[in-house]
C-alpha atoms as a PDB file:
ATOM      1  CA  MET A   1     -57.554 -17.130  -9.803  1.00  0.00           C
ATOM      2  CA  THR A   2     -56.422 -16.735 -13.393  1.00  0.00           C
ATOM      3  CA  ASN A   3     -53.683 -19.078 -14.514  1.00  0.00           C
ATOM      4  CA  LYS A   4     -50.416 -17.612 -15.984  1.00  0.00           C
ATOM      5  CA  ILE A   5     -49.863 -19.217 -19.360  1.00  0.00           C
ATOM      6  CA  PHE A   6     -46.809 -19.398 -21.562  1.00  0.00           C
ATOM      7  CA  LYS A   7     -46.160 -16.401 -23.752  1.00  0.00           C
ATOM      8  CA  THR A   8     -43.905 -16.308 -26.791  1.00  0.00           C
ATOM      9  CA  ILE A   9     -41.237 -13.582 -27.094  1.00  0.00           C
ATOM     10  CA  ASP A  10     -43.426 -11.782 -29.652  1.00  0.00           C
ATOM     11  CA  GLU A  11     -46.365 -11.924 -27.208  1.00  0.00           C
ATOM     12  CA  GLN A  12     -44.101 -10.572 -24.394  1.00  0.00           C
ATOM     13  CA  ILE A  13     -43.109  -7.625 -26.566  1.00  0.00           C
ATOM     14  CA  LYS A  14     -46.755  -6.969 -27.339  1.00  0.00           C
ATOM     15  CA  ILE A  15     -47.690  -6.945 -23.598  1.00  0.00           C
ATOM     16  CA  LEU A  16     -44.947  -4.476 -22.825  1.00  0.00           C
ATOM     17  CA  LYS A  17     -45.945  -2.166 -25.679  1.00  0.00           C
ATOM     18  CA  SER A  18     -49.613  -2.440 -24.647  1.00  0.00           C
ATOM     19  CA  LYS A  19     -48.607  -0.944 -21.322  1.00  0.00           C
ATOM     20  CA  GLY A  20     -46.980   2.057 -22.951  1.00  0.00           C
ATOM     21  CA  LEU A  21     -43.396   0.910 -23.100  1.00  0.00           C
ATOM     22  CA  ILE A  22     -41.500   2.181 -26.129  1.00  0.00           C
ATOM     23  CA  VAL A  23     -39.693  -0.580 -27.952  1.00  0.00           C
ATOM     24  CA  GLU A  24     -37.701   0.969 -30.816  1.00  0.00           C
ATOM     25  CA  ASP A  25     -35.420  -1.995 -31.645  1.00  0.00           C
ATOM     26  CA  GLU A  26     -37.680  -5.029 -31.414  1.00  0.00           C
ATOM     27  CA  GLU A  27     -35.076  -7.557 -32.528  1.00  0.00           C
ATOM     28  CA  THR A  28     -32.607  -6.484 -29.799  1.00  0.00           C
ATOM     29  CA  ALA A  29     -35.424  -6.440 -27.256  1.00  0.00           C
ATOM     30  CA  LYS A  30     -36.458  -9.965 -28.258  1.00  0.00           C
ATOM     31  CA  ASP A  31     -32.875 -11.226 -27.936  1.00  0.00           C
ATOM     32  CA  ILE A  32     -32.583  -9.724 -24.511  1.00  0.00           C
ATOM     33  CA  LEU A  33     -35.867 -11.171 -23.311  1.00  0.00           C
ATOM     34  CA  PHE A  34     -34.839 -14.585 -24.676  1.00  0.00           C
ATOM     35  CA  ARG A  35     -31.455 -14.499 -22.884  1.00  0.00           C
ATOM     36  CA  GLU A  36     -32.498 -12.751 -19.664  1.00  0.00           C
ATOM     37  CA  ASN A  37     -36.092 -13.923 -19.016  1.00  0.00           C
ATOM     38  CA  TYR A  38     -39.188 -11.719 -19.346  1.00  0.00           C
ATOM     39  CA  PHE A  39     -40.082 -12.291 -15.735  1.00  0.00           C
ATOM     40  CA  PHE A  40     -36.757 -11.033 -14.463  1.00  0.00           C
ATOM     41  CA  ILE A  41     -36.749  -7.980 -16.800  1.00  0.00           C
ATOM     42  CA  SER A  42     -40.335  -7.000 -15.944  1.00  0.00           C
ATOM     43  CA  GLY A  43     -39.522  -7.216 -12.309  1.00  0.00           C
ATOM     44  CA  TYR A  44     -37.826  -3.810 -12.710  1.00  0.00           C
ATOM     45  CA  ARG A  45     -40.925  -2.124 -14.199  1.00  0.00           C
ATOM     46  CA  HIS A  46     -42.333  -0.737 -10.907  1.00  0.00           C
ATOM     47  CA  MET A  47     -39.998   2.253 -10.863  1.00  0.00           C
ATOM     48  CA  PHE A  48     -41.336   3.256 -14.251  1.00  0.00           C
ATOM     49  CA  MET A  49     -45.095   2.788 -13.732  1.00  0.00           C
ATOM     50  CA  GLU A  50     -47.561   5.642 -13.277  1.00  0.00           C
ATOM     51  CA  GLN A  51     -48.790   6.143  -9.739  1.00  0.00           C
ATOM     52  CA  SER A  52     -52.426   6.220 -10.751  1.00  0.00           C
ATOM     53  CA  ARG A  53     -52.242   3.202 -13.039  1.00  0.00           C
ATOM     54  CA  LYS A  54     -49.990   0.399 -12.089  1.00  0.00           C
ATOM     55  CA  ASP A  55     -50.366  -1.221 -15.480  1.00  0.00           C
ATOM     56  CA  LYS A  56     -49.127   1.783 -17.450  1.00  0.00           C
ATOM     57  CA  PHE A  57     -45.557   2.947 -17.967  1.00  0.00           C
ATOM     58  CA  LEU A  58     -44.692   6.595 -17.486  1.00  0.00           C
ATOM     59  CA  THR A  59     -44.800   8.530 -20.787  1.00  0.00           C
ATOM     60  CA  GLY A  60     -41.630   8.091 -22.690  1.00  0.00           C
ATOM     61  CA  THR A  61     -40.281   5.031 -20.900  1.00  0.00           C
ATOM     62  CA  THR A  62     -38.224   2.864 -23.243  1.00  0.00           C
ATOM     63  CA  PHE A  63     -37.248  -0.727 -23.204  1.00  0.00           C
ATOM     64  CA  GLU A  64     -33.618   0.364 -23.037  1.00  0.00           C
ATOM     65  CA  GLU A  65     -34.304   2.188 -19.764  1.00  0.00           C
ATOM     66  CA  LEU A  66     -36.034  -0.800 -18.282  1.00  0.00           C
ATOM     67  CA  TYR A  67     -33.089  -3.051 -19.285  1.00  0.00           C
ATOM     68  CA  SER A  68     -30.630  -0.445 -17.837  1.00  0.00           C
ATOM     69  CA  MET A  69     -32.225  -0.805 -14.417  1.00  0.00           C
ATOM     70  CA  PHE A  70     -31.858  -4.585 -14.751  1.00  0.00           C
ATOM     71  CA  VAL A  71     -28.219  -4.353 -15.677  1.00  0.00           C
ATOM     72  CA  PHE A  72     -27.520  -1.721 -12.950  1.00  0.00           C
ATOM     73  CA  ASP A  73     -28.988  -4.075 -10.331  1.00  0.00           C
ATOM     74  CA  ARG A  74     -26.947  -6.993 -11.603  1.00  0.00           C
ATOM     75  CA  LYS A  75     -23.726  -4.969 -11.469  1.00  0.00           C
ATOM     76  CA  MET A  76     -24.629  -3.780  -7.931  1.00  0.00           C
ATOM     77  CA  ARG A  77     -25.174  -7.331  -6.833  1.00  0.00           C
ATOM     78  CA  ASN A  78     -21.764  -8.243  -8.187  1.00  0.00           C
ATOM     79  CA  ILE A  79     -20.100  -5.365  -6.414  1.00  0.00           C
ATOM     80  CA  PHE A  80     -21.690  -6.095  -3.096  1.00  0.00           C
ATOM     81  CA  PHE A  81     -21.343  -9.899  -3.376  1.00  0.00           C
ATOM     82  CA  LYS A  82     -17.635  -9.848  -3.845  1.00  0.00           C
ATOM     83  CA  ASN A  83     -17.240  -7.454  -0.807  1.00  0.00           C
ATOM     84  CA  ILE A  84     -19.527  -9.509   1.302  1.00  0.00           C
ATOM     85  CA  LEU A  85     -17.300 -12.514   0.496  1.00  0.00           C
ATOM     86  CA  ILE A  86     -14.324 -10.608   1.947  1.00  0.00           C
ATOM     87  CA  VAL A  87     -16.242 -10.044   5.149  1.00  0.00           C
ATOM     88  CA  GLU A  88     -17.416 -13.679   5.200  1.00  0.00           C
ATOM     89  CA  ASN A  89     -13.818 -14.955   4.874  1.00  0.00           C
ATOM     90  CA  ASN A  90     -12.624 -12.575   7.619  1.00  0.00           C
ATOM     91  CA  ILE A  91     -15.392 -13.565  10.015  1.00  0.00           C
ATOM     92  CA  LYS A  92     -14.871 -17.277   9.439  1.00  0.00           C
ATOM     93  CA  SER A  93     -11.117 -16.866   9.931  1.00  0.00           C
ATOM     94  CA  ILE A  94     -11.565 -14.873  13.162  1.00  0.00           C
ATOM     95  CA  ILE A  95     -14.136 -17.125  14.714  1.00  0.00           C
ATOM     96  CA  SER A  96     -12.242 -20.291  13.895  1.00  0.00           C
ATOM     97  CA  TYR A  97      -9.063 -18.781  15.326  1.00  0.00           C
ATOM     98  CA  GLN A  98     -10.784 -17.740  18.560  1.00  0.00           C
ATOM     99  CA  LEU A  99     -12.461 -21.179  19.185  1.00  0.00           C
ATOM    100  CA  SER A 100      -9.437 -23.186  18.220  1.00  0.00           C
ATOM    101  CA  LYS A 101      -7.184 -21.220  20.479  1.00  0.00           C
ATOM    102  CA  THR A 102      -9.554 -21.498  23.359  1.00  0.00           C
ATOM    103  CA  TYR A 103     -11.113 -24.966  22.978  1.00  0.00           C
ATOM    104  CA  GLY A 104      -8.895 -27.032  20.694  1.00  0.00           C
ATOM    105  CA  PHE A 105      -8.659 -27.873  16.999  1.00  0.00           C
ATOM    106  CA  ARG A 106     -10.486 -31.173  16.786  1.00  0.00           C
ATOM    107  CA  GLU A 107     -14.327 -30.982  16.132  1.00  0.00           C
ATOM    108  CA  LYS A 108     -15.030 -33.029  19.234  1.00  0.00           C
ATOM    109  CA  GLU A 109     -13.319 -30.267  21.240  1.00  0.00           C
ATOM    110  CA  TYR A 110     -14.508 -27.081  19.620  1.00  0.00           C
ATOM    111  CA  LEU A 111     -18.063 -28.323  19.009  1.00  0.00           C
ATOM    112  CA  ASN A 112     -18.509 -29.442  22.670  1.00  0.00           C
ATOM    113  CA  PRO A 113     -21.784 -27.911  23.865  1.00  0.00           C
ATOM    114  CA  LYS A 114     -20.033 -26.864  27.010  1.00  0.00           C
ATOM    115  CA  ASN A 115     -18.136 -24.256  24.988  1.00  0.00           C
ATOM    116  CA  PHE A 116     -21.275 -22.333  24.142  1.00  0.00           C
ATOM    117  CA  ALA A 117     -23.910 -20.249  25.958  1.00  0.00           C
ATOM    118  CA  GLN A 118     -24.939 -22.172  29.047  1.00  0.00           C
ATOM    119  CA  ASP A 119     -28.227 -20.428  30.110  1.00  0.00           C
ATOM    120  CA  LYS A 120     -31.342 -22.485  29.842  1.00  0.00           C
ATOM    121  CA  LEU A 121     -33.014 -20.105  27.489  1.00  0.00           C
ATOM    122  CA  ASN A 122     -30.334 -20.832  24.889  1.00  0.00           C
ATOM    123  CA  ALA A 123     -30.016 -24.519  25.384  1.00  0.00           C
ATOM    124  CA  ARG A 124     -32.337 -25.518  22.491  1.00  0.00           C
ATOM    125  CA  GLN A 125     -30.799 -22.975  20.146  1.00  0.00           C
ATOM    126  CA  VAL A 126     -27.290 -24.186  20.901  1.00  0.00           C
ATOM    127  CA  ASN A 127     -28.364 -27.775  20.233  1.00  0.00           C
ATOM    128  CA  ASP A 128     -30.153 -26.875  17.000  1.00  0.00           C
ATOM    129  CA  ILE A 129     -27.286 -24.856  15.558  1.00  0.00           C
ATOM    130  CA  LEU A 130     -24.577 -27.372  16.514  1.00  0.00           C
ATOM    131  CA  ASN A 131     -26.702 -30.081  14.821  1.00  0.00           C
ATOM    132  CA  LYS A 132     -26.766 -27.826  11.676  1.00  0.00           C
ATOM    133  CA  VAL A 133     -23.002 -27.574  11.702  1.00  0.00           C
ATOM    134  CA  LYS A 134     -22.596 -31.308  12.194  1.00  0.00           C
ATOM    135  CA  ARG A 135     -25.067 -31.991   9.416  1.00  0.00           C
ATOM    136  CA  GLN A 136     -23.072 -29.819   7.043  1.00  0.00           C
ATOM    137  CA  LEU A 137     -19.996 -31.670   8.109  1.00  0.00           C
ATOM    138  CA  ARG A 138     -21.577 -35.068   7.285  1.00  0.00           C
ATOM    139  CA  VAL A 139     -23.168 -33.932   4.013  1.00  0.00           C
ATOM    140  CA  ASN A 140     -20.365 -31.804   2.547  1.00  0.00           C
ATOM    141  CA  GLY A 141     -17.246 -33.098   4.379  1.00  0.00           C
ATOM    142  CA  ARG A 142     -16.201 -35.427   1.514  1.00  0.00           C
ATOM    143  CA  GLN A 143     -17.135 -32.991  -1.250  1.00  0.00           C
ATOM    144  CA  HIS A 144     -14.281 -30.612  -0.558  1.00  0.00           C
ATOM    145  CA  THR A 145     -10.621 -31.333  -1.105  1.00  0.00           C
ATOM    146  CA  ALA A 146      -9.449 -29.658   2.133  1.00  0.00           C
ATOM    147  CA  THR A 147     -11.950 -31.426   4.398  1.00  0.00           C
ATOM    148  CA  MET A 148     -11.286 -34.801   2.685  1.00  0.00           C
ATOM    149  CA  HIS A 149      -7.563 -34.331   3.215  1.00  0.00           C
ATOM    150  CA  TYR A 150      -7.939 -33.970   6.984  1.00  0.00           C
ATOM    151  CA  ILE A 151     -10.583 -36.750   7.287  1.00  0.00           C
ATOM    152  CA  ASP A 152      -8.427 -39.211   5.377  1.00  0.00           C
ATOM    153  CA  ASN A 153      -5.041 -38.243   6.875  1.00  0.00           C
ATOM    154  CA  TYR A 154      -5.788 -37.120  10.375  1.00  0.00           C
ATOM    155  CA  GLY A 155      -9.334 -38.366  11.225  1.00  0.00           C
ATOM    156  CA  TYR A 156     -10.585 -34.955  12.255  1.00  0.00           C
ATOM    157  CA  ILE A 157     -11.403 -31.490  10.672  1.00  0.00           C
ATOM    158  CA  PRO A 158     -10.024 -28.422  12.341  1.00  0.00           C
ATOM    159  CA  MET A 159     -12.300 -25.414  12.656  1.00  0.00           C
ATOM    160  CA  TRP A 160     -10.366 -23.347  10.167  1.00  0.00           C
ATOM    161  CA  ILE A 161     -11.139 -25.987   7.576  1.00  0.00           C
ATOM    162  CA  LEU A 162     -14.631 -26.658   8.701  1.00  0.00           C
ATOM    163  CA  VAL A 163     -15.697 -23.090   8.046  1.00  0.00           C
ATOM    164  CA  LYS A 164     -15.043 -23.562   4.350  1.00  0.00           C
ATOM    165  CA  ILE A 165     -18.218 -25.672   4.131  1.00  0.00           C
ATOM    166  CA  LEU A 166     -20.435 -23.539   6.371  1.00  0.00           C
ATOM    167  CA  SER A 167     -22.648 -20.829   4.877  1.00  0.00           C
ATOM    168  CA  PHE A 168     -22.478 -17.321   6.100  1.00  0.00           C
ATOM    169  CA  GLY A 169     -25.947 -17.689   7.479  1.00  0.00           C
ATOM    170  CA  ILE A 170     -24.847 -20.624   9.643  1.00  0.00           C
ATOM    171  CA  MET A 171     -21.759 -18.735  10.789  1.00  0.00           C
ATOM    172  CA  ALA A 172     -24.027 -15.829  11.889  1.00  0.00           C
ATOM    173  CA  GLU A 173     -26.148 -18.278  13.961  1.00  0.00           C
ATOM    174  CA  PHE A 174     -22.979 -19.961  15.195  1.00  0.00           C
ATOM    175  CA  TYR A 175     -21.761 -16.595  16.568  1.00  0.00           C
ATOM    176  CA  SER A 176     -25.063 -16.053  18.351  1.00  0.00           C
ATOM    177  CA  ILE A 177     -24.544 -19.091  20.561  1.00  0.00           C
ATOM    178  CA  LEU A 178     -20.942 -18.310  21.596  1.00  0.00           C
ATOM    179  CA  LYS A 179     -20.219 -17.442  25.158  1.00  0.00           C
ATOM    180  CA  ASN A 180     -20.359 -13.740  25.874  1.00  0.00           C
ATOM    181  CA  ASP A 181     -16.634 -13.590  26.451  1.00  0.00           C
ATOM    182  CA  ASP A 182     -15.861 -15.121  23.063  1.00  0.00           C
ATOM    183  CA  GLN A 183     -18.335 -12.808  21.348  1.00  0.00           C
ATOM    184  CA  GLN A 184     -16.761  -9.797  22.944  1.00  0.00           C
ATOM    185  CA  LYS A 185     -13.283 -10.772  21.937  1.00  0.00           C
ATOM    186  CA  ILE A 186     -14.416 -11.108  18.338  1.00  0.00           C
ATOM    187  CA  ALA A 187     -16.499  -7.960  18.272  1.00  0.00           C
ATOM    188  CA  SER A 188     -13.656  -5.885  19.771  1.00  0.00           C
ATOM    189  CA  LEU A 189     -11.608  -6.439  16.653  1.00  0.00           C
ATOM    190  CA  TYR A 190     -14.284  -4.400  14.727  1.00  0.00           C
ATOM    191  CA  HIS A 191     -14.537  -1.811  17.523  1.00  0.00           C
ATOM    192  CA  PHE A 192     -18.165  -2.389  18.466  1.00  0.00           C
ATOM    193  CA  ASP A 193     -20.188  -4.354  20.939  1.00  0.00           C
ATOM    194  CA  SER A 194     -20.996  -8.028  20.591  1.00  0.00           C
ATOM    195  CA  GLU A 195     -24.763  -7.518  20.179  1.00  0.00           C
ATOM    196  CA  THR A 196     -24.240  -5.140  17.225  1.00  0.00           C
ATOM    197  CA  LEU A 197     -21.869  -7.627  15.572  1.00  0.00           C
ATOM    198  CA  GLY A 198     -24.529 -10.367  15.866  1.00  0.00           C
ATOM    199  CA  LYS A 199     -27.168  -8.130  14.248  1.00  0.00           C
ATOM    200  CA  PHE A 200     -24.771  -7.115  11.446  1.00  0.00           C
ATOM    201  CA  LEU A 201     -23.831 -10.725  10.646  1.00  0.00           C
ATOM    202  CA  ILE A 202     -27.521 -11.752  10.303  1.00  0.00           C
ATOM    203  CA  LEU A 203     -28.351  -8.787   8.055  1.00  0.00           C
ATOM    204  CA  ILE A 204     -25.273  -9.118   5.862  1.00  0.00           C
ATOM    205  CA  ALA A 205     -26.076 -12.833   5.476  1.00  0.00           C
ATOM    206  CA  ASN A 206     -29.582 -11.766   4.233  1.00  0.00           C
ATOM    207  CA  PHE A 207     -28.082  -9.451   1.652  1.00  0.00           C
ATOM    208  CA  ARG A 208     -25.614 -12.144   0.658  1.00  0.00           C
ATOM    209  CA  ASN A 209     -28.480 -14.522  -0.155  1.00  0.00           C
ATOM    210  CA  VAL A 210     -30.204 -11.832  -2.291  1.00  0.00           C
ATOM    211  CA  CYS A 211     -26.995 -11.362  -4.258  1.00  0.00           C
ATOM    212  CA  ALA A 212     -26.177 -15.079  -4.591  1.00  0.00           C
ATOM    213  CA  HIS A 213     -29.708 -15.987  -5.874  1.00  0.00           C
ATOM    214  CA  GLU A 214     -29.900 -12.979  -8.232  1.00  0.00           C
ATOM    215  CA  ASP A 215     -32.974 -11.555  -6.620  1.00  0.00           C
ATOM    216  CA  ILE A 216     -33.819  -7.874  -6.984  1.00  0.00           C
ATOM    217  CA  LEU A 217     -31.350  -6.040  -4.782  1.00  0.00           C
ATOM    218  CA  TYR A 218     -31.819  -2.314  -5.273  1.00  0.00           C
ATOM    219  CA  THR A 219     -35.263  -2.146  -3.556  1.00  0.00           C
ATOM    220  CA  HIS A 220     -34.568  -4.927  -1.010  1.00  0.00           C
ATOM    221  CA  ARG A 221     -35.510  -4.282   2.543  1.00  0.00           C
ATOM    222  CA  THR A 222     -34.621  -6.458   5.491  1.00  0.00           C
ATOM    223  CA  GLN A 223     -37.150  -7.091   8.291  1.00  0.00           C
ATOM    224  CA  ARG A 224     -34.610  -6.102  10.917  1.00  0.00           C
ATOM    225  CA  PHE A 225     -32.958  -2.692  11.205  1.00  0.00           C
ATOM    226  CA  ILE A 226     -29.321  -1.947  11.933  1.00  0.00           C
ATOM    227  CA  PRO A 227     -28.662   0.039  15.113  1.00  0.00           C
ATOM    228  CA  ASP A 228     -28.280   3.838  14.790  1.00  0.00           C
ATOM    229  CA  ASN A 229     -24.580   4.676  14.619  1.00  0.00           C
ATOM    230  CA  LYS A 230     -22.307   7.684  14.048  1.00  0.00           C
ATOM    231  CA  TYR A 231     -22.611   7.480  10.274  1.00  0.00           C
ATOM    232  CA  HIS A 232     -26.370   8.274  10.361  1.00  0.00           C
ATOM    233  CA  GLU A 233     -25.530  11.348  12.353  1.00  0.00           C
ATOM    234  CA  LEU A 234     -22.484  12.477  10.506  1.00  0.00           C
ATOM    235  CA  LEU A 235     -24.177  12.211   7.113  1.00  0.00           C
ATOM    236  CA  LYS A 236     -27.085  14.238   8.599  1.00  0.00           C
ATOM    237  CA  ILE A 237     -29.594  11.650   7.385  1.00  0.00           C
ATOM    238  CA  PRO A 238     -33.097  12.989   8.175  1.00  0.00           C
ATOM    239  CA  ARG A 239     -35.350  11.126  10.545  1.00  0.00           C
ATOM    240  CA  GLY A 240     -38.952  10.069  10.011  1.00  0.00           C
ATOM    241  CA  GLU A 241     -41.357   9.843  12.890  1.00  0.00           C
ATOM    242  CA  GLU A 242     -39.218   7.234  14.630  1.00  0.00           C
ATOM    243  CA  ILE A 243     -36.158   6.243  12.615  1.00  0.00           C
ATOM    244  CA  TYR A 244     -33.617   7.585  10.057  1.00  0.00           C
ATOM    245  CA  ILE A 245     -35.233   7.414   6.644  1.00  0.00           C
ATOM    246  CA  TYR A 246     -32.136   5.927   4.980  1.00  0.00           C
ATOM    247  CA  GLY A 247     -29.508   3.395   6.090  1.00  0.00           C
ATOM    248  CA  LYS A 248     -31.673   1.278   8.447  1.00  0.00           C
ATOM    249  CA  ASN A 249     -32.851  -1.680   6.485  1.00  0.00           C
ATOM    250  CA  ASP A 250     -32.219  -0.649   2.812  1.00  0.00           C
ATOM    251  CA  LEU A 251     -29.266  -1.078   0.546  1.00  0.00           C
ATOM    252  CA  PHE A 252     -27.459   1.878   2.121  1.00  0.00           C
ATOM    253  CA  SER A 253     -27.600   0.017   5.434  1.00  0.00           C
ATOM    254  CA  LEU A 254     -25.399  -2.627   3.805  1.00  0.00           C
ATOM    255  CA  VAL A 255     -22.977   0.102   2.699  1.00  0.00           C
ATOM    256  CA  ILE A 256     -22.766   1.353   6.227  1.00  0.00           C
ATOM    257  CA  MET A 257     -22.273  -2.172   7.619  1.00  0.00           C
ATOM    258  CA  LEU A 258     -19.461  -2.842   5.141  1.00  0.00           C
ATOM    259  CA  LYS A 259     -17.815   0.393   6.248  1.00  0.00           C
ATOM    260  CA  PHE A 260     -17.179  -1.318   9.619  1.00  0.00           C
ATOM    261  CA  PHE A 261     -15.695  -4.460   8.084  1.00  0.00           C
ATOM    262  CA  LEU A 262     -13.654  -3.586   5.011  1.00  0.00           C
ATOM    263  CA  THR A 263     -10.330  -1.928   4.980  1.00  0.00           C
ATOM    264  CA  LYS A 264     -10.146   1.698   3.909  1.00  0.00           C
ATOM    265  CA  GLU A 265      -8.792   0.694   0.542  1.00  0.00           C
ATOM    266  CA  GLU A 266     -11.411  -2.023   0.035  1.00  0.00           C
ATOM    267  CA  PHE A 267     -14.183   0.337   0.989  1.00  0.00           C
ATOM    268  CA  SER A 268     -12.924   3.124  -1.261  1.00  0.00           C
ATOM    269  CA  GLU A 269     -12.718   0.767  -4.185  1.00  0.00           C
ATOM    270  CA  MET A 270     -16.368  -0.371  -3.580  1.00  0.00           C
ATOM    271  CA  ILE A 271     -17.598   3.209  -3.413  1.00  0.00           C
ATOM    272  CA  ASP A 272     -15.824   4.081  -6.716  1.00  0.00           C
ATOM    273  CA  GLU A 273     -17.423   1.103  -8.370  1.00  0.00           C
ATOM    274  CA  ILE A 274     -20.855   2.025  -7.083  1.00  0.00           C
ATOM    275  CA  ARG A 275     -20.367   5.660  -8.117  1.00  0.00           C
ATOM    276  CA  LEU A 276     -19.504   4.571 -11.694  1.00  0.00           C
ATOM    277  CA  GLU A 277     -22.708   2.420 -11.990  1.00  0.00           C
ATOM    278  CA  VAL A 278     -24.802   5.268 -10.624  1.00  0.00           C
ATOM    279  CA  GLU A 279     -23.277   7.623 -13.231  1.00  0.00           C
ATOM    280  CA  ILE A 280     -23.901   5.161 -16.090  1.00  0.00           C
ATOM    281  CA  LEU A 281     -27.477   4.713 -14.943  1.00  0.00           C
ATOM    282  CA  GLU A 282     -28.045   8.474 -14.805  1.00  0.00           C
ATOM    283  CA  ASP A 283     -26.903   8.683 -18.479  1.00  0.00           C
ATOM    284  CA  GLU A 284     -29.122   5.863 -19.632  1.00  0.00           C
ATOM    285  CA  VAL A 285     -32.357   6.627 -17.756  1.00  0.00           C
ATOM    286  CA  ASN A 286     -34.031   9.873 -18.594  1.00  0.00           C
ATOM    287  CA  THR A 287     -37.651   9.231 -17.641  1.00  0.00           C
ATOM    288  CA  ILE A 288     -36.918   9.246 -13.924  1.00  0.00           C
ATOM    289  CA  PRO A 289     -34.664  11.718 -12.153  1.00  0.00           C
ATOM    290  CA  LEU A 290     -31.612  10.110 -10.487  1.00  0.00           C
ATOM    291  CA  GLU A 291     -32.612  11.432  -7.095  1.00  0.00           C
ATOM    292  CA  ASN A 292     -35.845   9.467  -7.306  1.00  0.00           C
ATOM    293  CA  ILE A 293     -33.932   6.276  -8.095  1.00  0.00           C
ATOM    294  CA  LEU A 294     -31.494   6.887  -5.250  1.00  0.00           C
ATOM    295  CA  ASP A 295     -34.402   7.499  -2.904  1.00  0.00           C
ATOM    296  CA  ARG A 296     -36.003   4.200  -3.945  1.00  0.00           C
ATOM    297  CA  ILE A 297     -32.722   2.395  -3.339  1.00  0.00           C
ATOM    298  CA  GLY A 298     -32.317   4.036   0.061  1.00  0.00           C
ATOM    299  CA  PHE A 299     -29.325   6.146  -0.754  1.00  0.00           C
ATOM    300  CA  PRO A 300     -29.219   9.725   0.621  1.00  0.00           C
ATOM    301  CA  ALA A 301     -28.127  12.398  -1.838  1.00  0.00           C
ATOM    302  CA  ASN A 302     -24.712  12.519  -0.172  1.00  0.00           C
ATOM    303  CA  TRP A 303     -24.211   8.767   0.113  1.00  0.00           C
ATOM    304  CA  TYR A 304     -20.731   8.900  -1.403  1.00  0.00           C
ATOM    305  CA  GLU A 305     -19.442  11.139   1.472  1.00  0.00           C
ATOM    306  CA  LEU A 306     -19.369   7.984   3.660  1.00  0.00           C
ATOM    307  CA  GLU A 307     -16.121   7.124   2.012  1.00  0.00           C
ATOM    308  CA  ASP A 308     -14.185   9.978   3.635  1.00  0.00           C
ATOM    309  CA  ILE A 309     -15.866   9.839   7.134  1.00  0.00           C
ATOM    310  CA  ASN A 310     -13.746   8.063   9.742  1.00  0.00           C
END
């Protein structure tokens, strides 16, 4: 296996040009590579590569276009991340309210294993997830002002404070071990069944991690698929051999999931922000048709119509 060795900015420019990329303003390109990292920028090259030669850019591809894809993805991450945080806060608030109302507000009460799924198949999962929660409490409890206040003044941490130090991923797992009755009460607030809510939380947590760690978002695909729902049908999304070709495990699936969680105003604002970034990208990228980019993202041509569908 050939080792990857350090390359200077000049060498990085030379590599890109050797692959057919047009670099008209080398000084600007060097500054961008220095600030943004060659590895991150080059991660967006795949859209612009010839099908027959993966080491050759499509004729006419410019560094500016490559960087535009990078910036587009960054802005999309920012748009989705802030809306996922809204969902995260809502879910944490609802779950903590439901458990506190039913089982009490001290951690010894609401984290009692008897309050969770009791079948033998879930016993190990319940134990593992509760241990994760308690570990977060031990590790992070004194690193946050709110949790420290309750520990020092009351000797316990209510659930509505505990959730501040729990990740969305842990909250998704936490929901999965709740009793069916508690799951159904929470899911009913979003007007779908408890199983669907559990799947959505896991998938949204996955997208949240991509956004938070600044990984490539626009071509991200989750291993699990969201269930078919009315939006696939109302948008007339075409089906492949077995499933809809858009909105199942791609970025558009996240848009569909957020449609269920956000208010109408929040969702409309998000769609407007996405639409603006898509329009900017269309102006800045000429080598590839916009419909090809949308297809790669997983957006159907009429993706924006989701805003007005009830």
